[in-house]
């Protein structure tokens, strides 16, 4: 994948993750399937480091059932900071949509 394309898509994927984590805890395998449903092909080798970075930035926190041992499924939950970031992103996406999509549609109607 082209470097610029990848950089943009990584941002889209992060927004998807934050959005879904705001609704309920998410797991990596589920996220891969959800992103695939939207036409994105994300490998575990890309997703898990991205989740780790999001956790390191304080946007997500991880919950693991210790009773399940080393193979326990990790759930990712949105933090307060992640919620603030998502709120900002939603506002910016609305503005971007107005400018990029709606403005373009108006030009095409003219």
C-alpha atoms as a PDB file:
ATOM      1  CA  UNK A   1       0.000   0.000   0.000  1.00  0.00           C
ATOM      2  CA  UNK A   2       1.234   3.471  -0.825  1.00  0.00           C
ATOM      3  CA  UNK A   3       2.719   5.351   2.178  1.00  0.00           C
ATOM      4  CA  UNK A   4       0.326   8.319   1.956  1.00  0.00           C
ATOM      5  CA  UNK A   5      -2.683   6.044   1.501  1.00  0.00           C
ATOM      6  CA  UNK A   6      -1.642   4.010   4.534  1.00  0.00           C
ATOM      7  CA  UNK A   7      -1.189   7.097   6.718  1.00  0.00           C
ATOM      8  CA  UNK A   8      -4.684   8.333   5.890  1.00  0.00           C
ATOM      9  CA  UNK A   9      -6.305   4.926   6.349  1.00  0.00           C
ATOM     10  CA  UNK A  10      -4.628   4.458   9.737  1.00  0.00           C
ATOM     11  CA  UNK A  11      -6.434   7.587  10.900  1.00  0.00           C
ATOM     12  CA  UNK A  12      -9.768   6.290   9.608  1.00  0.00           C
ATOM     13  CA  UNK A  13      -9.213   2.992  11.395  1.00  0.00           C
ATOM     14  CA  UNK A  14      -8.440   4.776  14.661  1.00  0.00           C
ATOM     15  CA  UNK A  15     -11.675   6.761  14.425  1.00  0.00           C
ATOM     16  CA  UNK A  16     -13.615   3.518  13.844  1.00  0.00           C
ATOM     17  CA  UNK A  17     -11.961   1.926  16.868  1.00  0.00           C
ATOM     18  CA  UNK A  18     -12.662   4.895  19.131  1.00  0.00           C
ATOM     19  CA  UNK A  19     -16.273   5.015  17.939  1.00  0.00           C
ATOM     20  CA  UNK A  20     -16.936   1.336  18.607  1.00  0.00           C
ATOM     21  CA  UNK A  21     -15.071   1.397  21.931  1.00  0.00           C
ATOM     22  CA  UNK A  22     -17.390   4.242  22.974  1.00  0.00           C
ATOM     23  CA  UNK A  23     -20.341   1.852  22.568  1.00  0.00           C
ATOM     24  CA  UNK A  24     -18.894  -1.273  24.208  1.00  0.00           C
ATOM     25  CA  UNK A  25     -15.555  -2.964  24.893  1.00  0.00           C
ATOM     26  CA  UNK A  26     -13.975  -4.236  21.665  1.00  0.00           C
ATOM     27  CA  UNK A  27     -11.560  -7.055  20.920  1.00  0.00           C
ATOM     28  CA  UNK A  28      -8.934  -7.135  18.197  1.00  0.00           C
ATOM     29  CA  UNK A  29     -10.419  -9.984  16.182  1.00  0.00           C
ATOM     30  CA  UNK A  30     -13.804  -8.254  16.126  1.00  0.00           C
ATOM     31  CA  UNK A  31     -12.224  -4.949  15.054  1.00  0.00           C
ATOM     32  CA  UNK A  32     -10.499  -6.665  12.120  1.00  0.00           C
ATOM     33  CA  UNK A  33     -13.862  -8.062  10.982  1.00  0.00           C
ATOM     34  CA  UNK A  34     -15.637  -4.736  11.459  1.00  0.00           C
ATOM     35  CA  UNK A  35     -13.016  -2.852   9.466  1.00  0.00           C
ATOM     36  CA  UNK A  36     -13.191  -5.529   6.751  1.00  0.00           C
ATOM     37  CA  UNK A  37     -16.965  -4.992   6.608  1.00  0.00           C
ATOM     38  CA  UNK A  38     -16.174  -1.373   5.682  1.00  0.00           C
ATOM     39  CA  UNK A  39     -13.748  -2.449   2.956  1.00  0.00           C
ATOM     40  CA  UNK A  40     -10.504  -2.128   4.908  1.00  0.00           C
ATOM     41  CA  UNK A  41      -8.016  -4.997   5.035  1.00  0.00           C
ATOM     42  CA  UNK A  42      -6.120  -4.770   8.312  1.00  0.00           C
ATOM     43  CA  UNK A  43      -3.758  -7.479   9.474  1.00  0.00           C
ATOM     44  CA  UNK A  44      -3.187  -8.368  13.129  1.00  0.00           C
ATOM     45  CA  UNK A  45       0.400  -7.153  12.626  1.00  0.00           C
ATOM     46  CA  UNK A  46      -0.977  -3.689  11.882  1.00  0.00           C
ATOM     47  CA  UNK A  47      -3.923  -3.640  14.289  1.00  0.00           C
ATOM     48  CA  UNK A  48      -2.299  -4.733  17.537  1.00  0.00           C
ATOM     49  CA  UNK A  49       0.577  -2.218  17.431  1.00  0.00           C
ATOM     50  CA  UNK A  50      -2.014   0.468  16.608  1.00  0.00           C
ATOM     51  CA  UNK A  51      -4.117  -0.562  19.630  1.00  0.00           C
ATOM     52  CA  UNK A  52      -0.979  -0.471  21.776  1.00  0.00           C
ATOM     53  CA  UNK A  53      -0.186   3.086  20.576  1.00  0.00           C
ATOM     54  CA  UNK A  54      -3.764   4.154  21.275  1.00  0.00           C
ATOM     55  CA  UNK A  55      -3.442   2.674  24.750  1.00  0.00           C
ATOM     56  CA  UNK A  56      -0.082   4.389  25.325  1.00  0.00           C
ATOM     57  CA  UNK A  57      -1.673   7.719  24.338  1.00  0.00           C
ATOM     58  CA  UNK A  58      -4.349   7.129  26.961  1.00  0.00           C
ATOM     59  CA  UNK A  59      -7.252   6.782  24.515  1.00  0.00           C
ATOM     60  CA  UNK A  60      -7.969   3.126  25.312  1.00  0.00           C
ATOM     61  CA  UNK A  61      -7.451   0.929  28.294  1.00  0.00           C
ATOM     62  CA  UNK A  62      -7.119  -2.821  28.249  1.00  0.00           C
ATOM     63  CA  UNK A  63      -9.045  -5.321  30.343  1.00  0.00           C
ATOM     64  CA  UNK A  64      -7.893  -8.939  30.522  1.00  0.00           C
ATOM     65  CA  UNK A  65      -9.563 -11.804  32.348  1.00  0.00           C
ATOM     66  CA  UNK A  66      -6.618 -13.024  34.442  1.00  0.00           C
ATOM     67  CA  UNK A  67      -8.366 -16.373  35.063  1.00  0.00           C
ATOM     68  CA  UNK A  68      -7.930 -17.254  31.366  1.00  0.00           C
ATOM     69  CA  UNK A  69      -4.116 -17.204  31.499  1.00  0.00           C
ATOM     70  CA  UNK A  70      -1.675 -16.010  28.826  1.00  0.00           C
ATOM     71  CA  UNK A  71      -4.146 -16.593  25.989  1.00  0.00           C
ATOM     72  CA  UNK A  72      -6.860 -14.463  27.593  1.00  0.00           C
ATOM     73  CA  UNK A  73      -8.791 -12.225  25.259  1.00  0.00           C
ATOM     74  CA  UNK A  74      -8.004  -8.522  25.655  1.00  0.00           C
ATOM     75  CA  UNK A  75     -10.885  -6.098  25.664  1.00  0.00           C
ATOM     76  CA  UNK A  76     -10.246  -2.467  24.818  1.00  0.00           C
ATOM     77  CA  UNK A  77     -12.354   0.204  26.486  1.00  0.00           C
ATOM     78  CA  UNK A  78     -12.543   3.905  25.756  1.00  0.00           C
ATOM     79  CA  UNK A  79     -10.996   6.137  28.426  1.00  0.00           C
ATOM     80  CA  UNK A  80     -12.094   9.649  29.415  1.00  0.00           C
ATOM     81  CA  UNK A  81      -9.268  11.018  27.290  1.00  0.00           C
ATOM     82  CA  UNK A  82     -10.353   8.788  24.396  1.00  0.00           C
ATOM     83  CA  UNK A  83     -13.897  10.117  24.720  1.00  0.00           C
ATOM     84  CA  UNK A  84     -12.604  13.705  24.541  1.00  0.00           C
ATOM     85  CA  UNK A  85     -10.547  12.839  21.458  1.00  0.00           C
ATOM     86  CA  UNK A  86     -13.570  11.178  19.824  1.00  0.00           C
ATOM     87  CA  UNK A  87     -15.724  14.249  20.520  1.00  0.00           C
ATOM     88  CA  UNK A  88     -13.135  16.489  18.842  1.00  0.00           C
ATOM     89  CA  UNK A  89     -12.816  14.092  15.903  1.00  0.00           C
ATOM     90  CA  UNK A  90     -16.576  13.965  15.381  1.00  0.00           C
ATOM     91  CA  UNK A  91     -16.718  17.759  15.177  1.00  0.00           C
ATOM     92  CA  UNK A  92     -13.814  17.822  12.732  1.00  0.00           C
ATOM     93  CA  UNK A  93     -15.343  15.069  10.615  1.00  0.00           C
ATOM     94  CA  UNK A  94     -18.610  16.995  10.364  1.00  0.00           C
ATOM     95  CA  UNK A  95     -16.717  20.092   9.208  1.00  0.00           C
ATOM     96  CA  UNK A  96     -14.610  18.053   6.777  1.00  0.00           C
ATOM     97  CA  UNK A  97     -17.766  16.415   5.385  1.00  0.00           C
ATOM     98  CA  UNK A  98     -19.348  19.831   4.840  1.00  0.00           C
ATOM     99  CA  UNK A  99     -16.329  21.091   2.956  1.00  0.00           C
ATOM    100  CA  UNK A 100     -15.232  18.017   1.021  1.00  0.00           C
ATOM    101  CA  UNK A 101     -18.513  16.243   0.312  1.00  0.00           C
ATOM    102  CA  UNK A 102     -21.348  18.752   0.519  1.00  0.00           C
ATOM    103  CA  UNK A 103     -19.408  21.596  -1.095  1.00  0.00           C
ATOM    104  CA  UNK A 104     -18.407  19.250  -3.922  1.00  0.00           C
ATOM    105  CA  UNK A 105     -22.028  18.153  -4.380  1.00  0.00           C
ATOM    106  CA  UNK A 106     -23.136  21.795  -4.597  1.00  0.00           C
ATOM    107  CA  UNK A 107     -20.503  22.482  -7.263  1.00  0.00           C
ATOM    108  CA  UNK A 108     -21.691  19.492  -9.283  1.00  0.00           C
ATOM    109  CA  UNK A 109     -25.285  20.744  -9.150  1.00  0.00           C
ATOM    110  CA  UNK A 110     -24.292  24.162 -10.508  1.00  0.00           C
END
